[in-house]
């Protein structure tokens, strides 16, 4: 329930183009990638499928900041 609240707060922050929300979303995507990678090393090869969406989100957030200008 706590994680859902944090994700909801992050979503509203990203919608408002807040810097803290970008950082929180980047950390969450990185943690999702890390846990899926650990699961792959433990023998769960279906975790490769679970790496697709967090990977897309992670690389999207790392794109050039000029493409997503923040409001003044």
Protein backbone atom coordinates (compact mmCIF):
# COMPACT_ATOMS: atom_id res chain seq x y z
CA UNK A 1 0.00 0.00 0.00
CA UNK A 2 2.90 2.32 0.75
CA UNK A 3 4.50 1.55 -2.61
CA UNK A 4 1.23 2.32 -4.39
CA UNK A 5 1.02 5.68 -2.63
CA UNK A 6 4.58 6.54 -3.57
CA UNK A 7 3.92 5.57 -7.19
CA UNK A 8 0.76 7.68 -7.25
CA UNK A 9 2.64 10.65 -5.82
CA UNK A 10 5.42 10.12 -8.36
CA UNK A 11 2.88 10.03 -11.18
CA UNK A 12 1.38 13.35 -10.14
CA UNK A 13 4.86 14.81 -9.79
CA UNK A 14 5.88 13.62 -13.25
CA UNK A 15 2.68 15.07 -14.68
CA UNK A 16 3.64 18.40 -13.10
CA UNK A 17 7.24 18.04 -14.40
CA UNK A 18 8.80 18.09 -10.94
CA UNK A 19 12.51 17.22 -10.68
CA UNK A 20 12.05 15.12 -7.52
CA UNK A 21 9.49 12.95 -9.31
CA UNK A 22 11.90 12.32 -12.18
CA UNK A 23 14.57 11.18 -9.74
CA UNK A 24 12.13 8.98 -7.82
CA UNK A 25 10.86 7.38 -11.04
CA UNK A 26 14.44 6.76 -12.21
CA UNK A 27 15.31 5.08 -8.91
CA UNK A 28 12.15 2.94 -9.04
CA UNK A 29 12.88 1.81 -12.61
CA UNK A 30 16.48 1.01 -11.71
CA UNK A 31 15.36 -1.05 -8.70
CA UNK A 32 12.87 -2.94 -10.87
CA UNK A 33 15.61 -3.72 -13.37
CA UNK A 34 17.96 -4.83 -10.60
CA UNK A 35 15.43 -7.17 -8.98
CA UNK A 36 14.53 -8.71 -12.34
CA UNK A 37 18.21 -9.20 -13.11
CA UNK A 38 18.76 -10.92 -9.76
CA UNK A 39 15.80 -13.19 -10.53
CA UNK A 40 17.36 -14.10 -13.88
CA UNK A 41 20.59 -15.07 -12.13
CA UNK A 42 18.57 -17.21 -9.71
CA UNK A 43 17.15 -19.18 -12.63
CA UNK A 44 13.87 -17.42 -13.38
CA UNK A 45 14.28 -16.72 -17.07
CA UNK A 46 10.73 -15.32 -17.31
CA UNK A 47 12.11 -12.31 -15.47
CA UNK A 48 13.64 -11.26 -18.78
CA UNK A 49 10.11 -10.41 -19.88
CA UNK A 50 9.69 -8.41 -16.67
CA UNK A 51 12.72 -6.31 -17.58
CA UNK A 52 11.17 -4.91 -20.75
CA UNK A 53 8.87 -2.23 -19.32
CA UNK A 54 11.21 -1.01 -16.55
CA UNK A 55 14.00 -0.92 -19.15
CA UNK A 56 11.93 1.23 -21.50
CA UNK A 57 10.99 3.57 -18.65
CA UNK A 58 14.59 3.77 -17.42
CA UNK A 59 16.02 4.68 -20.82
CA UNK A 60 13.15 7.08 -21.53
CA UNK A 61 13.93 8.97 -18.33
CA UNK A 62 17.62 9.13 -19.25
CA UNK A 63 16.98 10.77 -22.61
CA UNK A 64 18.32 14.22 -23.29
CA UNK A 65 16.74 16.83 -20.99
CA UNK A 66 16.43 19.28 -23.92
CA UNK A 67 13.66 17.13 -25.36
CA UNK A 68 11.61 17.60 -22.18
CA UNK A 69 12.01 21.22 -21.08
CA UNK A 70 10.72 22.05 -17.63
CA UNK A 71 8.52 25.04 -17.11
CA UNK A 72 10.24 28.20 -15.84
